[in-house]
Every structure is written in C-alpha cells, then in structure tokens.
C-alpha cells in the first residue's frame, strides 16, 4: 500500500514543483519584459507635408523631445521635381528662420517620386558628410522648417517621413 502511495505521490509532487517553478519564472520574465517595454519607446512615423499651393515654407514645432534620423529621401505626392530643390532646417530660431542648428538639402532623384538627400551642413556651412544612420536629437518646442528652393513649386506636394523615438 505504501509503495502504491509513493508511486502516486511522487509524480504529483514532481508536477507540483515543476508548475510552481515554471509559474514563478514566467511571472519574473513577464514583469521584466513589461519594464523593458516601458523604458524603450517604440519609433513612430512623423510626417511633415509641404504643399506648394499653400506656401513655399512650413514650420513645425515639436510637441516633445525625440531622437530621429534625417530622411534619405522625401516622397513626392504630386507635381514635377524638375529644377526644384528642398531644404529642411532643424532647431530653427523663432526670431529668424535663417538661424538654425543644421540644415539638409534635397535634389530630384532618379525616381520622379522622390527627392534625394544631397548634403547636410551646420550654420557655418560645415558639411556633415554622410549622415545615414546617425541619430539626432530635438527637444520640445524646437522647430523644423521645410521649404522649397529653386524653381516655382506651386504644383509640388512633398512629405518628409521620420522615424521618431520620443522620450
């Protein structure tokens, strides 16, 4: 009788210990995962649209601080890119749109639906070189300015699409 009891009790105890051990481990992992998700903001798409029929310049004030990469291309939603270029300035002064931390220039790409990044430079015109993959930071109330340069652009609508990591 005792041996039958041991045969039934041992598997039950093993199962109970395994269940408690697994349950404890799972709850620790899930709480660690939740904490990691809280500490790491997921990137979100941030789109700045410039419509030439509305104006040749647009300024956007950020609602909070964020890290971002400079877009390698701008999407053309309508219009002709021939003879046109675009500048995007970052951390523009509220007193003068000609004062900024740095700016990037875009020229028509081989694909007529895009403008390609041609260069980025600071206020003193020091070239940043290849900015691909570099993270830049802007803070709450910093201003991004996008403007058409070159030929008249009343028919052109472009979008700068950013992957922003807000913090």
Foldseek 3Di string as FASTA:
>chain_A
DVVVVCVVVVVVVVVVVVVVVVVVVVVVVVVVVVVVPVVFFFWDKDKDKDALQVHFKDKDFDQFKWKWAFDQKKFWPWDFQPFKKKKKFWQADPVDNLAGQKMWIWHQDPPRGITGTDFMAGSVRHTPPDRPPPIDMDGGRGMMMMGMDTDRDNTIMIMGIIGIGGD
